[in-house]
Amino acid sequence: MFSLEKAPVALGRMSELGYSMMFGETKKEFFFKNIKGRGYADTGKGVITEFYTPIVPKGYDFLQEIGRCAK
């Protein structure tokens, strides 16, 4: 089961100290790619993975879209 309580997420450029504060001591080698929405996450299983977030247009109405999908 996924728990946000144990799911640290880091976006953007961070220092080594920043990554260690987010994920604790790890042997993971973090690197920066100049791509919007890219980061690292740990879903609570101790495996830090690279991920990409979707780019949502300004003014997008999530509730309206959820209502449309529910019909």
PDB file of N, CA and C in Angstrom:
ATOM      1  N   MET A   1       0.841  -1.178   0.000  1.00  0.00           N
ATOM      2  CA  MET A   1       0.000   0.000   0.000  1.00  0.00           C
ATOM      3  C   MET A   1       0.886   1.241   0.000  1.00  0.00           C
ATOM      4  N   PHE A   2       0.492   2.240  -0.731  1.00  0.00           N
ATOM      5  CA  PHE A   2       1.246   3.484  -0.850  1.00  0.00           C
ATOM      6  C   PHE A   2       0.886   4.421   0.296  1.00  0.00           C
ATOM      7  N   SER A   3       1.902   4.967   0.962  1.00  0.00           N
ATOM      8  CA  SER A   3       1.681   5.890   2.067  1.00  0.00           C
ATOM      9  C   SER A   3       2.470   7.167   1.827  1.00  0.00           C
ATOM     10  N   LEU A   4       1.782   8.300   1.771  1.00  0.00           N
ATOM     11  CA  LEU A   4       2.471   9.576   1.580  1.00  0.00           C
ATOM     12  C   LEU A   4       3.353   9.928   2.765  1.00  0.00           C
ATOM     13  N   GLU A   5       3.044   9.369   3.914  1.00  0.00           N
ATOM     14  CA  GLU A   5       3.826   9.651   5.109  1.00  0.00           C
ATOM     15  C   GLU A   5       5.280   9.219   4.940  1.00  0.00           C
ATOM     16  N   LYS A   6       5.526   8.182   4.151  1.00  0.00           N
ATOM     17  CA  LYS A   6       6.867   7.654   3.963  1.00  0.00           C
ATOM     18  C   LYS A   6       7.284   7.739   2.506  1.00  0.00           C
ATOM     19  N   ALA A   7       6.923   8.809   1.838  1.00  0.00           N
ATOM     20  CA  ALA A   7       7.222   8.938   0.420  1.00  0.00           C
ATOM     21  C   ALA A   7       7.901  10.274   0.135  1.00  0.00           C
ATOM     22  N   PRO A   8       9.187  10.397   0.481  1.00  0.00           N
ATOM     23  CA  PRO A   8       9.862  11.659   0.183  1.00  0.00           C
ATOM     24  C   PRO A   8      10.021  11.866  -1.322  1.00  0.00           C
ATOM     25  N   VAL A   9       9.868  13.110  -1.743  1.00  0.00           N
ATOM     26  CA  VAL A   9       9.993  13.486  -3.145  1.00  0.00           C
ATOM     27  C   VAL A   9      10.884  14.713  -3.225  1.00  0.00           C
ATOM     28  N   ALA A  10      11.826  14.714  -4.157  1.00  0.00           N
ATOM     29  CA  ALA A  10      12.729  15.847  -4.354  1.00  0.00           C
ATOM     30  C   ALA A  10      12.657  16.290  -5.808  1.00  0.00           C
ATOM     31  N   LEU A  11      12.372  17.572  -6.016  1.00  0.00           N
ATOM     32  CA  LEU A  11      12.320  18.136  -7.363  1.00  0.00           C
ATOM     33  C   LEU A  11      13.367  19.232  -7.492  1.00  0.00           C
ATOM     34  N   GLY A  12      13.893  19.395  -8.684  1.00  0.00           N
ATOM     35  CA  GLY A  12      14.844  20.468  -8.931  1.00  0.00           C
ATOM     36  C   GLY A  12      16.246  20.132  -8.469  1.00  0.00           C
ATOM     37  N   ARG A  13      17.108  21.098  -8.568  1.00  0.00           N
ATOM     38  CA  ARG A  13      18.511  20.911  -8.208  1.00  0.00           C
ATOM     39  C   ARG A  13      18.668  21.004  -6.697  1.00  0.00           C
ATOM     40  N   MET A  14      19.275  19.980  -6.111  1.00  0.00           N
ATOM     41  CA  MET A  14      19.511  19.959  -4.676  1.00  0.00           C
ATOM     42  C   MET A  14      20.975  19.643  -4.419  1.00  0.00           C
ATOM     43  N   SER A  15      21.438  20.047  -3.259  1.00  0.00           N
ATOM     44  CA  SER A  15      22.802  19.721  -2.854  1.00  0.00           C
ATOM     45  C   SER A  15      22.830  18.297  -2.305  1.00  0.00           C
ATOM     46  N   GLU A  16      24.029  17.763  -2.113  1.00  0.00           N
ATOM     47  CA  GLU A  16      24.157  16.440  -1.499  1.00  0.00           C
ATOM     48  C   GLU A  16      23.517  16.431  -0.115  1.00  0.00           C
ATOM     49  N   LEU A  17      23.668  17.540   0.625  1.00  0.00           N
ATOM     50  CA  LEU A  17      23.050  17.649   1.942  1.00  0.00           C
ATOM     51  C   LEU A  17      21.526  17.582   1.821  1.00  0.00           C
ATOM     52  N   GLY A  18      20.985  18.257   0.830  1.00  0.00           N
ATOM     53  CA  GLY A  18      19.539  18.234   0.610  1.00  0.00           C
ATOM     54  C   GLY A  18      19.028  16.837   0.331  1.00  0.00           C
ATOM     55  N   TYR A  19      19.734  16.097  -0.527  1.00  0.00           N
ATOM     56  CA  TYR A  19      19.327  14.725  -0.818  1.00  0.00           C
ATOM     57  C   TYR A  19      19.428  13.843   0.420  1.00  0.00           C
ATOM     58  N   SER A  20      20.480  14.027   1.215  1.00  0.00           N
ATOM     59  CA  SER A  20      20.617  13.199   2.419  1.00  0.00           C
ATOM     60  C   SER A  20      19.527  13.550   3.435  1.00  0.00           C
ATOM     61  N   MET A  21      19.094  14.801   3.465  1.00  0.00           N
ATOM     62  CA  MET A  21      17.998  15.182   4.356  1.00  0.00           C
ATOM     63  C   MET A  21      16.678  14.557   3.887  1.00  0.00           C
ATOM     64  N   MET A  22      16.501  14.435   2.579  1.00  0.00           N
ATOM     65  CA  MET A  22      15.267  13.857   2.029  1.00  0.00           C
ATOM     66  C   MET A  22      15.231  12.340   2.152  1.00  0.00           C
ATOM     67  N   PHE A  23      16.356  11.680   1.812  1.00  0.00           N
ATOM     68  CA  PHE A  23      16.355  10.231   1.664  1.00  0.00           C
ATOM     69  C   PHE A  23      17.243   9.493   2.661  1.00  0.00           C
ATOM     70  N   GLY A  24      17.943  10.222   3.527  1.00  0.00           N
ATOM     71  CA  GLY A  24      18.836   9.567   4.476  1.00  0.00           C
ATOM     72  C   GLY A  24      20.139   9.169   3.800  1.00  0.00           C
ATOM     73  N   GLU A  25      20.934   8.401   4.505  1.00  0.00           N
ATOM     74  CA  GLU A  25      22.199   7.941   3.938  1.00  0.00           C
ATOM     75  C   GLU A  25      21.912   6.879   2.882  1.00  0.00           C
ATOM     76  N   THR A  26      22.437   7.091   1.692  1.00  0.00           N
ATOM     77  CA  THR A  26      22.216   6.166   0.584  1.00  0.00           C
ATOM     78  C   THR A  26      23.423   6.171  -0.340  1.00  0.00           C
ATOM     79  N   LYS A  27      23.576   5.101  -1.100  1.00  0.00           N
ATOM     80  CA  LYS A  27      24.665   5.024  -2.079  1.00  0.00           C
ATOM     81  C   LYS A  27      24.192   5.476  -3.459  1.00  0.00           C
ATOM     82  N   LYS A  28      22.958   5.946  -3.543  1.00  0.00           N
ATOM     83  CA  LYS A  28      22.393   6.425  -4.806  1.00  0.00           C
ATOM     84  C   LYS A  28      23.169   7.635  -5.282  1.00  0.00           C
ATOM     85  N   GLU A  29      23.533   7.650  -6.567  1.00  0.00           N
ATOM     86  CA  GLU A  29      24.212   8.813  -7.155  1.00  0.00           C
ATOM     87  C   GLU A  29      23.155   9.690  -7.824  1.00  0.00           C
ATOM     88  N   PHE A  30      22.945  10.867  -7.275  1.00  0.00           N
ATOM     89  CA  PHE A  30      21.958  11.799  -7.806  1.00  0.00           C
ATOM     90  C   PHE A  30      22.622  12.696  -8.841  1.00  0.00           C
ATOM     91  N   PHE A  31      21.908  13.010  -9.903  1.00  0.00           N
ATOM     92  CA  PHE A  31      22.444  13.900 -10.923  1.00  0.00           C
ATOM     93  C   PHE A  31      21.344  14.820 -11.419  1.00  0.00           C
ATOM     94  N   PHE A  32      21.749  15.962 -11.934  1.00  0.00           N
ATOM     95  CA  PHE A  32      20.813  16.979 -12.383  1.00  0.00           C
ATOM     96  C   PHE A  32      20.628  16.894 -13.890  1.00  0.00           C
ATOM     97  N   LYS A  33      19.372  16.887 -14.340  1.00  0.00           N
ATOM     98  CA  LYS A  33      19.019  17.016 -15.750  1.00  0.00           C
ATOM     99  C   LYS A  33      18.133  18.253 -15.826  1.00  0.00           C
ATOM    100  N   ASN A  34      18.389  19.111 -16.750  1.00  0.00           N
ATOM    101  CA  ASN A  34      17.614  20.345 -16.867  1.00  0.00           C
ATOM    102  C   ASN A  34      16.288  20.068 -17.582  1.00  0.00           C
ATOM    103  N   ILE A  35      15.415  19.311 -16.908  1.00  0.00           N
ATOM    104  CA  ILE A  35      14.109  18.939 -17.448  1.00  0.00           C
ATOM    105  C   ILE A  35      13.046  19.302 -16.409  1.00  0.00           C
ATOM    106  N   LYS A  36      12.057  20.094 -16.816  1.00  0.00           N
ATOM    107  CA  LYS A  36      10.987  20.482 -15.890  1.00  0.00           C
ATOM    108  C   LYS A  36      10.214  19.251 -15.441  1.00  0.00           C
ATOM    109  N   GLY A  37       9.906  19.202 -14.145  1.00  0.00           N
ATOM    110  CA  GLY A  37       9.091  18.128 -13.599  1.00  0.00           C
ATOM    111  C   GLY A  37       9.840  16.852 -13.279  1.00  0.00           C
ATOM    112  N   ARG A  38      11.143  16.852 -13.370  1.00  0.00           N
ATOM    113  CA  ARG A  38      11.929  15.655 -13.087  1.00  0.00           C
ATOM    114  C   ARG A  38      12.396  15.674 -11.647  1.00  0.00           C
ATOM    115  N   GLY A  39      12.432  14.505 -11.024  1.00  0.00           N
ATOM    116  CA  GLY A  39      12.914  14.430  -9.659  1.00  0.00           C
ATOM    117  C   GLY A  39      13.153  13.006  -9.222  1.00  0.00           C
ATOM    118  N   TYR A  40      13.281  12.827  -7.925  1.00  0.00           N
ATOM    119  CA  TYR A  40      13.494  11.523  -7.330  1.00  0.00           C
ATOM    120  C   TYR A  40      12.414  11.284  -6.275  1.00  0.00           C
ATOM    121  N   ALA A  41      12.022  10.018  -6.114  1.00  0.00           N
ATOM    122  CA  ALA A  41      11.026   9.667  -5.108  1.00  0.00           C
ATOM    123  C   ALA A  41      11.342   8.302  -4.522  1.00  0.00           C
ATOM    124  N   ASP A  42      10.922   8.133  -3.284  1.00  0.00           N
ATOM    125  CA  ASP A  42      10.998   6.848  -2.598  1.00  0.00           C
ATOM    126  C   ASP A  42       9.585   6.549  -2.114  1.00  0.00           C
ATOM    127  N   THR A  43       8.971   5.495  -2.641  1.00  0.00           N
ATOM    128  CA  THR A  43       7.580   5.180  -2.303  1.00  0.00           C
ATOM    129  C   THR A  43       7.443   4.455  -0.978  1.00  0.00           C
ATOM    130  N   GLY A  44       8.504   4.437  -0.193  1.00  0.00           N
ATOM    131  CA  GLY A  44       8.444   3.817   1.120  1.00  0.00           C
ATOM    132  C   GLY A  44       9.089   2.451   1.180  1.00  0.00           C
ATOM    133  N   LYS A  45       9.628   1.984   0.050  1.00  0.00           N
ATOM    134  CA  LYS A  45      10.252   0.668   0.003  1.00  0.00           C
ATOM    135  C   LYS A  45      11.773   0.754   0.043  1.00  0.00           C
ATOM    136  N   GLY A  46      12.293   1.978   0.184  1.00  0.00           N
ATOM    137  CA  GLY A  46      13.735   2.148   0.258  1.00  0.00           C
ATOM    138  C   GLY A  46      14.430   2.172  -1.089  1.00  0.00           C
ATOM    139  N   VAL A  47      13.660   2.215  -2.177  1.00  0.00           N
ATOM    140  CA  VAL A  47      14.233   2.275  -3.520  1.00  0.00           C
ATOM    141  C   VAL A  47      13.960   3.668  -4.080  1.00  0.00           C
ATOM    142  N   ILE A  48      15.006   4.432  -4.294  1.00  0.00           N
ATOM    143  CA  ILE A  48      14.872   5.801  -4.801  1.00  0.00           C
ATOM    144  C   ILE A  48      14.905   5.741  -6.322  1.00  0.00           C
ATOM    145  N   THR A  49      13.845   6.254  -6.952  1.00  0.00           N
ATOM    146  CA  THR A  49      13.750   6.189  -8.402  1.00  0.00           C
ATOM    147  C   THR A  49      13.547   7.578  -8.993  1.00  0.00           C
ATOM    148  N   GLU A  50      13.993   7.732 -10.212  1.00  0.00           N
ATOM    149  CA  GLU A  50      13.798   8.957 -10.967  1.00  0.00           C
ATOM    150  C   GLU A  50      12.357   8.951 -11.482  1.00  0.00           C
ATOM    151  N   PHE A  51      11.711  10.116 -11.492  1.00  0.00           N
ATOM    152  CA  PHE A  51      10.358  10.200 -12.015  1.00  0.00           C
ATOM    153  C   PHE A  51      10.145  11.535 -12.700  1.00  0.00           C
ATOM    154  N   TYR A  52       9.086  11.602 -13.487  1.00  0.00           N
ATOM    155  CA  TYR A  52       8.716  12.817 -14.206  1.00  0.00           C
ATOM    156  C   TYR A  52       7.257  13.132 -13.906  1.00  0.00           C
ATOM    157  N   THR A  53       6.972  14.376 -13.546  1.00  0.00           N
ATOM    158  CA  THR A  53       5.600  14.790 -13.278  1.00  0.00           C
ATOM    159  C   THR A  53       4.983  15.338 -14.563  1.00  0.00           C
ATOM    160  N   PRO A  54       3.683  15.229 -14.708  1.00  0.00           N
ATOM    161  CA  PRO A  54       3.046  15.829 -15.887  1.00  0.00           C
ATOM    162  C   PRO A  54       3.033  17.351 -15.757  1.00  0.00           C
ATOM    163  N   ILE A  55       3.091  18.018 -16.872  1.00  0.00           N
ATOM    164  CA  ILE A  55       2.988  19.476 -16.880  1.00  0.00           C
ATOM    165  C   ILE A  55       1.513  19.808 -17.106  1.00  0.00           C
ATOM    166  N   VAL A  56       0.898  20.442 -16.116  1.00  0.00           N
ATOM    167  CA  VAL A  56      -0.530  20.754 -16.150  1.00  0.00           C
ATOM    168  C   VAL A  56      -0.706  22.208 -16.583  1.00  0.00           C
ATOM    169  N   PRO A  57      -1.525  22.447 -17.609  1.00  0.00           N
ATOM    170  CA  PRO A  57      -1.729  23.828 -18.071  1.00  0.00           C
ATOM    171  C   PRO A  57      -2.405  24.691 -17.009  1.00  0.00           C
ATOM    172  N   LYS A  58      -2.083  25.975 -16.999  1.00  0.00           N
ATOM    173  CA  LYS A  58      -2.742  26.898 -16.080  1.00  0.00           C
ATOM    174  C   LYS A  58      -4.240  26.898 -16.367  1.00  0.00           C
ATOM    175  N   GLY A  59      -5.027  26.956 -15.302  1.00  0.00           N
ATOM    176  CA  GLY A  59      -6.478  26.991 -15.459  1.00  0.00           C
ATOM    177  C   GLY A  59      -7.119  25.620 -15.598  1.00  0.00           C
ATOM    178  N   TYR A  60      -6.339  24.542 -15.600  1.00  0.00           N
ATOM    179  CA  TYR A  60      -6.905  23.197 -15.709  1.00  0.00           C
ATOM    180  C   TYR A  60      -7.754  22.915 -14.480  1.00  0.00           C
ATOM    181  N   ASP A  61      -8.956  22.421 -14.691  1.00  0.00           N
ATOM    182  CA  ASP A  61      -9.898  22.166 -13.598  1.00  0.00           C
ATOM    183  C   ASP A  61      -9.961  20.664 -13.325  1.00  0.00           C
ATOM    184  N   PHE A  62      -9.238  20.224 -12.302  1.00  0.00           N
ATOM    185  CA  PHE A  62      -9.193  18.801 -11.967  1.00  0.00           C
ATOM    186  C   PHE A  62     -10.570  18.268 -11.593  1.00  0.00           C
ATOM    187  N   LEU A  63     -11.318  19.030 -10.802  1.00  0.00           N
ATOM    188  CA  LEU A  63     -12.637  18.567 -10.361  1.00  0.00           C
ATOM    189  C   LEU A  63     -13.589  18.393 -11.539  1.00  0.00           C
ATOM    190  N   GLN A  64     -13.540  19.299 -12.490  1.00  0.00           N
ATOM    191  CA  GLN A  64     -14.387  19.183 -13.672  1.00  0.00           C
ATOM    192  C   GLN A  64     -14.004  17.932 -14.464  1.00  0.00           C
ATOM    193  N   GLU A  65     -12.730  17.685 -14.605  1.00  0.00           N
ATOM    194  CA  GLU A  65     -12.274  16.523 -15.350  1.00  0.00           C
ATOM    195  C   GLU A  65     -12.647  15.221 -14.645  1.00  0.00           C
ATOM    196  N   ILE A  66     -12.521  15.181 -13.322  1.00  0.00           N
ATOM    197  CA  ILE A  66     -12.906  13.993 -12.551  1.00  0.00           C
ATOM    198  C   ILE A  66     -14.410  13.745 -12.721  1.00  0.00           C
ATOM    199  N   GLY A  67     -15.200  14.811 -12.671  1.00  0.00           N
ATOM    200  CA  GLY A  67     -16.639  14.680 -12.880  1.00  0.00           C
ATOM    201  C   GLY A  67     -16.972  14.157 -14.255  1.00  0.00           C
ATOM    202  N   ARG A  68     -16.248  14.615 -15.256  1.00  0.00           N
ATOM    203  CA  ARG A  68     -16.461  14.135 -16.630  1.00  0.00           C
ATOM    204  C   ARG A  68     -16.118  12.655 -16.747  1.00  0.00           C
ATOM    205  N   CYS A  69     -15.029  12.241 -16.113  1.00  0.00           N
ATOM    206  CA  CYS A  69     -14.609  10.830 -16.175  1.00  0.00           C
ATOM    207  C   CYS A  69     -15.566   9.922 -15.401  1.00  0.00           C
ATOM    208  N   ALA A  70     -16.185  10.450 -14.355  1.00  0.00           N
ATOM    209  CA  ALA A  70     -17.083   9.652 -13.527  1.00  0.00           C
ATOM    210  C   ALA A  70     -18.407   9.346 -14.237  1.00  0.00           C
ATOM    211  N   LYS A  71     -18.755  10.145 -15.230  1.00  0.00           N
ATOM    212  CA  LYS A  71     -20.040   9.955 -15.930  1.00  0.00           C
ATOM    213  C   LYS A  71     -19.995   8.798 -16.883  1.00  0.00           C
TER     214      LYS A  71
END
